[in-house]
């Protein structure tokens, strides 16, 4: 792995079958620090799931597991983090938010975090 990329998983789930949960596990497996935000607090491996973005959070990447409607309340906070990129996973595509992020100089991509990790493209 080239470099660690601290990643915010938005829409994190405690359920192992959910892709957000698999993403947390794979991000940790590949050595990336993770901040996980979801509806329910808990823990996946060594990563606590919290209900809000902790103050002072600094991340390289935001990976979205919320549909476009559920992203709305988070948009300003995500843009305020000034991540280098936002990944819109399948089902989380949001062209309007992607345009806002790009206007702020944030790279966006519609992709699967799991595939990016497993193919060395993360």
N, C-alpha and C. Protein backbone atom coordinates (compact mmCIF):
# COMPACT_ATOMS: atom_id res chain seq x y z
N UNK A 1 0.84 -1.18 0.00
CA UNK A 1 0.00 0.00 0.00
C UNK A 1 0.88 1.24 0.00
N UNK A 2 0.56 2.19 -0.81
CA UNK A 2 1.36 3.39 -0.95
C UNK A 2 1.24 4.30 0.27
N UNK A 3 0.05 4.80 0.56
CA UNK A 3 -0.12 5.70 1.69
C UNK A 3 -1.44 5.43 2.38
N UNK A 4 -1.46 5.74 3.67
CA UNK A 4 -2.71 5.65 4.42
C UNK A 4 -3.60 6.82 4.03
N UNK A 5 -4.88 6.54 3.90
CA UNK A 5 -5.85 7.58 3.57
C UNK A 5 -6.96 7.51 4.61
N UNK A 6 -6.92 8.44 5.55
CA UNK A 6 -7.96 8.46 6.58
C UNK A 6 -9.30 8.67 5.89
N UNK A 7 -10.24 7.77 6.19
CA UNK A 7 -11.50 7.72 5.46
C UNK A 7 -12.69 7.81 6.41
N UNK A 8 -13.63 8.66 6.04
CA UNK A 8 -14.90 8.76 6.74
C UNK A 8 -15.90 7.88 6.02
N UNK A 9 -16.43 6.88 6.71
CA UNK A 9 -17.48 6.03 6.17
C UNK A 9 -18.80 6.60 6.68
N UNK A 10 -19.59 7.18 5.78
CA UNK A 10 -20.86 7.78 6.16
C UNK A 10 -21.99 6.84 5.77
N UNK A 11 -22.74 6.41 6.79
CA UNK A 11 -23.76 5.38 6.59
C UNK A 11 -23.26 4.04 7.11
N UNK A 12 -22.35 4.10 8.08
CA UNK A 12 -21.75 2.88 8.63
C UNK A 12 -22.80 2.03 9.33
N UNK A 13 -22.68 0.72 9.19
CA UNK A 13 -23.63 -0.22 9.79
C UNK A 13 -22.90 -1.26 10.63
N UNK A 14 -23.57 -1.68 11.70
CA UNK A 14 -23.05 -2.77 12.53
C UNK A 14 -23.31 -4.14 11.90
N UNK A 15 -24.19 -4.19 10.90
CA UNK A 15 -24.55 -5.46 10.27
C UNK A 15 -23.46 -5.89 9.30
N UNK A 16 -22.90 -7.07 9.54
CA UNK A 16 -21.76 -7.55 8.76
C UNK A 16 -22.06 -7.71 7.28
N UNK A 17 -23.34 -7.93 6.92
CA UNK A 17 -23.67 -8.14 5.51
C UNK A 17 -23.75 -6.83 4.74
N UNK A 18 -23.77 -5.71 5.42
CA UNK A 18 -23.86 -4.40 4.76
C UNK A 18 -22.51 -4.01 4.16
N UNK A 19 -22.58 -3.36 2.99
CA UNK A 19 -21.34 -2.97 2.31
C UNK A 19 -20.55 -1.94 3.10
N UNK A 20 -21.20 -1.09 3.85
CA UNK A 20 -20.47 -0.11 4.66
C UNK A 20 -19.65 -0.82 5.73
N UNK A 21 -20.19 -1.88 6.29
CA UNK A 21 -19.46 -2.66 7.29
C UNK A 21 -18.27 -3.36 6.64
N UNK A 22 -18.49 -3.94 5.46
CA UNK A 22 -17.40 -4.58 4.73
C UNK A 22 -16.31 -3.56 4.38
N UNK A 23 -16.73 -2.33 4.05
CA UNK A 23 -15.76 -1.29 3.72
C UNK A 23 -14.90 -0.94 4.92
N UNK A 24 -15.52 -0.83 6.10
CA UNK A 24 -14.74 -0.55 7.31
C UNK A 24 -13.70 -1.64 7.51
N UNK A 25 -14.14 -2.88 7.40
CA UNK A 25 -13.23 -4.02 7.60
C UNK A 25 -12.08 -4.02 6.59
N UNK A 26 -12.42 -3.79 5.32
CA UNK A 26 -11.38 -3.80 4.28
C UNK A 26 -10.46 -2.58 4.39
N UNK A 27 -11.02 -1.43 4.71
CA UNK A 27 -10.16 -0.25 4.90
C UNK A 27 -9.14 -0.52 6.00
N UNK A 28 -9.57 -1.13 7.10
CA UNK A 28 -8.65 -1.44 8.20
C UNK A 28 -7.63 -2.51 7.75
N UNK A 29 -8.11 -3.51 7.01
CA UNK A 29 -7.22 -4.57 6.52
C UNK A 29 -6.09 -3.99 5.67
N UNK A 30 -6.43 -2.95 4.90
CA UNK A 30 -5.44 -2.31 4.04
C UNK A 30 -4.69 -1.18 4.75
N UNK A 31 -4.92 -1.02 6.05
CA UNK A 31 -4.14 -0.08 6.86
C UNK A 31 -4.63 1.36 6.88
N UNK A 32 -5.85 1.61 6.41
CA UNK A 32 -6.36 2.98 6.40
C UNK A 32 -7.08 3.29 7.71
N UNK A 33 -6.78 4.43 8.34
CA UNK A 33 -7.56 4.85 9.51
C UNK A 33 -8.99 5.17 9.09
N UNK A 34 -9.96 4.87 9.95
CA UNK A 34 -11.36 5.04 9.61
C UNK A 34 -12.10 5.80 10.70
N UNK A 35 -12.95 6.73 10.25
CA UNK A 35 -13.95 7.37 11.10
C UNK A 35 -15.29 6.87 10.56
N UNK A 36 -16.10 6.24 11.42
CA UNK A 36 -17.37 5.66 10.96
C UNK A 36 -18.54 6.37 11.61
N UNK A 37 -19.48 6.83 10.78
CA UNK A 37 -20.67 7.53 11.25
C UNK A 37 -21.89 6.77 10.75
N UNK A 38 -22.78 6.43 11.69
CA UNK A 38 -23.99 5.69 11.33
C UNK A 38 -25.14 6.03 12.25
N UNK A 39 -26.25 5.37 12.04
CA UNK A 39 -27.45 5.61 12.85
C UNK A 39 -27.33 5.05 14.26
N UNK A 40 -26.61 3.95 14.40
CA UNK A 40 -26.46 3.30 15.69
C UNK A 40 -25.00 3.23 16.09
N UNK A 41 -24.75 3.55 17.36
CA UNK A 41 -23.38 3.47 17.87
C UNK A 41 -23.01 2.01 18.10
N UNK A 42 -21.74 1.74 17.98
CA UNK A 42 -21.23 0.40 18.19
C UNK A 42 -19.78 0.35 17.76
N UNK A 43 -19.32 -0.83 17.39
CA UNK A 43 -17.93 -0.98 17.01
C UNK A 43 -17.78 -2.06 15.95
N UNK A 44 -16.92 -1.79 14.97
CA UNK A 44 -16.54 -2.77 13.95
C UNK A 44 -15.02 -2.86 14.02
N UNK A 45 -14.52 -4.02 14.38
CA UNK A 45 -13.09 -4.21 14.64
C UNK A 45 -12.66 -3.18 15.68
N UNK A 46 -11.66 -2.35 15.35
CA UNK A 46 -11.17 -1.34 16.29
C UNK A 46 -11.79 0.04 16.01
N UNK A 47 -12.84 0.08 15.20
CA UNK A 47 -13.43 1.34 14.76
C UNK A 47 -14.77 1.58 15.45
N UNK A 48 -14.87 2.60 16.29
CA UNK A 48 -16.18 2.92 16.86
C UNK A 48 -17.08 3.56 15.81
N UNK A 49 -18.35 3.19 15.82
CA UNK A 49 -19.33 3.87 14.98
C UNK A 49 -20.01 4.90 15.88
N UNK A 50 -19.98 6.15 15.43
CA UNK A 50 -20.59 7.24 16.17
C UNK A 50 -21.73 7.83 15.34
N UNK A 51 -22.57 8.65 15.97
CA UNK A 51 -23.75 9.19 15.28
C UNK A 51 -23.50 10.52 14.59
N UNK A 52 -22.37 11.14 14.83
CA UNK A 52 -22.07 12.42 14.20
C UNK A 52 -20.57 12.51 13.93
N UNK A 53 -20.22 13.35 13.01
CA UNK A 53 -18.80 13.54 12.68
C UNK A 53 -18.13 14.23 13.86
N UNK A 54 -17.10 13.61 14.43
CA UNK A 54 -16.43 14.21 15.58
C UNK A 54 -15.80 15.56 15.22
N UNK A 55 -15.86 16.53 16.14
CA UNK A 55 -15.22 17.83 15.88
C UNK A 55 -13.74 17.65 15.58
N UNK A 56 -13.24 18.45 14.67
CA UNK A 56 -11.82 18.40 14.33
C UNK A 56 -11.42 17.24 13.43
N UNK A 57 -12.40 16.53 12.89
CA UNK A 57 -12.10 15.40 12.02
C UNK A 57 -11.40 15.89 10.76
N UNK A 58 -10.31 15.23 10.43
CA UNK A 58 -9.53 15.54 9.23
C UNK A 58 -9.42 14.25 8.42
N UNK A 59 -10.01 14.23 7.23
CA UNK A 59 -10.00 13.02 6.42
C UNK A 59 -9.53 13.30 5.01
N UNK A 60 -8.97 12.28 4.40
CA UNK A 60 -8.57 12.33 2.99
C UNK A 60 -9.77 12.04 2.10
N UNK A 61 -10.57 11.04 2.51
CA UNK A 61 -11.64 10.52 1.68
C UNK A 61 -12.92 10.38 2.48
N UNK A 62 -14.04 10.70 1.84
CA UNK A 62 -15.36 10.38 2.39
C UNK A 62 -15.97 9.35 1.46
N UNK A 63 -16.41 8.21 2.02
CA UNK A 63 -17.07 7.20 1.20
C UNK A 63 -18.52 7.11 1.66
N UNK A 64 -19.43 7.34 0.72
CA UNK A 64 -20.85 7.49 1.00
C UNK A 64 -21.60 6.18 0.85
N UNK A 65 -22.37 5.86 1.89
CA UNK A 65 -23.28 4.71 1.86
C UNK A 65 -24.70 5.15 2.23
N UNK A 66 -25.02 6.41 1.95
CA UNK A 66 -26.37 6.95 2.14
C UNK A 66 -26.93 7.33 0.78
N UNK A 67 -28.24 7.16 0.59
CA UNK A 67 -28.82 7.60 -0.68
C UNK A 67 -28.82 9.12 -0.73
N UNK A 68 -29.08 9.66 -1.90
CA UNK A 68 -28.98 11.11 -2.12
C UNK A 68 -29.84 11.89 -1.13
N UNK A 69 -31.07 11.43 -0.88
CA UNK A 69 -31.96 12.14 0.05
C UNK A 69 -31.36 12.21 1.45
N UNK A 70 -30.80 11.11 1.91
CA UNK A 70 -30.22 11.06 3.26
C UNK A 70 -28.87 11.77 3.37
N UNK A 71 -28.28 12.11 2.23
CA UNK A 71 -27.02 12.87 2.25
C UNK A 71 -27.24 14.35 2.55
N UNK A 72 -28.43 14.85 2.22
CA UNK A 72 -28.69 16.29 2.32
C UNK A 72 -28.27 16.91 3.65
N UNK A 73 -28.65 16.33 4.80
CA UNK A 73 -28.28 16.97 6.07
C UNK A 73 -26.77 16.98 6.33
N UNK A 74 -26.02 16.17 5.61
CA UNK A 74 -24.59 16.04 5.82
C UNK A 74 -23.75 16.89 4.87
N UNK A 75 -24.34 17.38 3.80
CA UNK A 75 -23.57 18.02 2.72
C UNK A 75 -22.67 19.15 3.22
N UNK A 76 -23.20 20.09 3.97
CA UNK A 76 -22.39 21.23 4.43
C UNK A 76 -21.24 20.77 5.31
N UNK A 77 -21.52 19.79 6.18
CA UNK A 77 -20.45 19.30 7.07
C UNK A 77 -19.36 18.58 6.29
N UNK A 78 -19.77 17.82 5.28
CA UNK A 78 -18.77 17.12 4.47
C UNK A 78 -17.91 18.12 3.70
N UNK A 79 -18.55 19.09 3.09
CA UNK A 79 -17.78 20.12 2.36
C UNK A 79 -16.86 20.87 3.32
N UNK A 80 -17.31 21.09 4.55
CA UNK A 80 -16.51 21.77 5.56
C UNK A 80 -15.28 20.99 5.98
N UNK A 81 -15.29 19.68 5.77
CA UNK A 81 -14.12 18.85 6.09
C UNK A 81 -13.01 19.03 5.06
N UNK A 82 -13.36 19.51 3.88
CA UNK A 82 -12.42 19.68 2.77
C UNK A 82 -11.64 18.40 2.47
N UNK A 83 -12.36 17.27 2.27
CA UNK A 83 -11.64 16.05 1.91
C UNK A 83 -11.06 16.19 0.52
N UNK A 84 -10.09 15.34 0.20
CA UNK A 84 -9.54 15.35 -1.16
C UNK A 84 -10.54 14.77 -2.15
N UNK A 85 -11.36 13.78 -1.67
CA UNK A 85 -12.32 13.17 -2.58
C UNK A 85 -13.51 12.59 -1.82
N UNK A 86 -14.59 12.43 -2.58
CA UNK A 86 -15.79 11.77 -2.09
C UNK A 86 -16.10 10.63 -3.05
N UNK A 87 -16.29 9.45 -2.50
CA UNK A 87 -16.66 8.28 -3.29
C UNK A 87 -18.15 8.03 -3.08
N UNK A 88 -18.90 8.05 -4.17
CA UNK A 88 -20.33 7.74 -4.13
C UNK A 88 -20.48 6.28 -4.53
N UNK A 89 -20.69 5.42 -3.54
CA UNK A 89 -20.84 3.99 -3.79
C UNK A 89 -22.17 3.71 -4.49
N UNK A 90 -22.31 2.52 -5.10
CA UNK A 90 -23.58 2.19 -5.77
C UNK A 90 -24.76 2.40 -4.82
N UNK A 91 -25.77 3.11 -5.32
CA UNK A 91 -26.93 3.45 -4.52
C UNK A 91 -26.81 4.79 -3.82
N UNK A 92 -25.61 5.35 -3.82
CA UNK A 92 -25.36 6.64 -3.16
C UNK A 92 -25.05 7.74 -4.18
N UNK A 93 -25.26 7.45 -5.45
CA UNK A 93 -24.96 8.43 -6.49
C UNK A 93 -25.75 9.71 -6.24
N UNK A 94 -25.09 10.87 -6.43
CA UNK A 94 -25.74 12.15 -6.16
C UNK A 94 -25.07 13.23 -7.02
N UNK A 95 -25.47 13.34 -8.29
CA UNK A 95 -24.82 14.29 -9.19
C UNK A 95 -24.86 15.73 -8.69
N UNK A 96 -25.94 16.15 -8.06
CA UNK A 96 -26.04 17.54 -7.57
C UNK A 96 -24.99 17.80 -6.48
N UNK A 97 -24.86 16.89 -5.54
CA UNK A 97 -23.86 17.06 -4.47
C UNK A 97 -22.45 16.94 -5.05
N UNK A 98 -22.27 16.04 -6.01
CA UNK A 98 -20.95 15.89 -6.65
C UNK A 98 -20.53 17.20 -7.30
N UNK A 99 -21.47 17.88 -7.96
CA UNK A 99 -21.14 19.17 -8.58
C UNK A 99 -20.74 20.20 -7.52
N UNK A 100 -21.46 20.24 -6.40
CA UNK A 100 -21.12 21.17 -5.31
C UNK A 100 -19.70 20.88 -4.80
N UNK A 101 -19.39 19.61 -4.61
CA UNK A 101 -18.07 19.23 -4.11
C UNK A 101 -16.99 19.62 -5.12
N UNK A 102 -17.23 19.34 -6.38
CA UNK A 102 -16.25 19.68 -7.42
C UNK A 102 -16.02 21.18 -7.48
N UNK A 103 -17.07 21.97 -7.26
CA UNK A 103 -16.93 23.43 -7.26
C UNK A 103 -16.05 23.90 -6.10
N UNK A 104 -15.95 23.06 -5.06
CA UNK A 104 -15.09 23.36 -3.90
C UNK A 104 -13.69 22.75 -4.07
N UNK A 105 -13.42 22.16 -5.24
CA UNK A 105 -12.11 21.57 -5.48
C UNK A 105 -11.95 20.16 -4.94
N UNK A 106 -13.07 19.50 -4.64
CA UNK A 106 -13.04 18.14 -4.12
C UNK A 106 -13.30 17.17 -5.26
N UNK A 107 -12.43 16.20 -5.43
CA UNK A 107 -12.62 15.18 -6.46
C UNK A 107 -13.77 14.27 -6.06
N UNK A 108 -14.54 13.82 -7.02
CA UNK A 108 -15.62 12.89 -6.75
C UNK A 108 -15.55 11.74 -7.74
N UNK A 109 -16.06 10.59 -7.29
CA UNK A 109 -16.17 9.47 -8.21
C UNK A 109 -17.31 8.57 -7.80
N UNK A 110 -18.00 8.05 -8.80
CA UNK A 110 -19.00 7.02 -8.58
C UNK A 110 -18.27 5.71 -8.74
N UNK A 111 -18.08 5.04 -7.61
CA UNK A 111 -17.27 3.81 -7.61
C UNK A 111 -17.62 3.00 -6.37
N UNK A 112 -17.14 1.80 -6.32
CA UNK A 112 -17.30 0.94 -5.16
C UNK A 112 -16.00 0.92 -4.37
N UNK A 113 -16.07 1.36 -3.13
CA UNK A 113 -14.86 1.39 -2.29
C UNK A 113 -14.22 0.01 -2.21
N UNK A 114 -15.03 -1.03 -2.09
CA UNK A 114 -14.48 -2.39 -1.98
C UNK A 114 -13.68 -2.76 -3.22
N UNK A 115 -14.22 -2.45 -4.39
CA UNK A 115 -13.52 -2.75 -5.64
C UNK A 115 -12.24 -1.93 -5.74
N UNK A 116 -12.32 -0.65 -5.39
CA UNK A 116 -11.12 0.20 -5.43
C UNK A 116 -10.02 -0.37 -4.54
N UNK A 117 -10.39 -0.81 -3.35
CA UNK A 117 -9.39 -1.37 -2.42
C UNK A 117 -8.79 -2.66 -2.99
N UNK A 118 -9.65 -3.56 -3.46
CA UNK A 118 -9.19 -4.88 -3.91
C UNK A 118 -8.40 -4.82 -5.22
N UNK A 119 -8.54 -3.73 -5.97
CA UNK A 119 -7.82 -3.61 -7.24
C UNK A 119 -6.64 -2.63 -7.16
N UNK A 120 -6.35 -2.16 -5.93
CA UNK A 120 -5.22 -1.26 -5.75
C UNK A 120 -5.45 0.14 -6.29
N UNK A 121 -6.70 0.55 -6.48
CA UNK A 121 -7.02 1.86 -7.02
C UNK A 121 -7.49 2.85 -5.97
N UNK A 122 -7.52 2.44 -4.70
CA UNK A 122 -8.04 3.31 -3.66
C UNK A 122 -7.10 4.48 -3.44
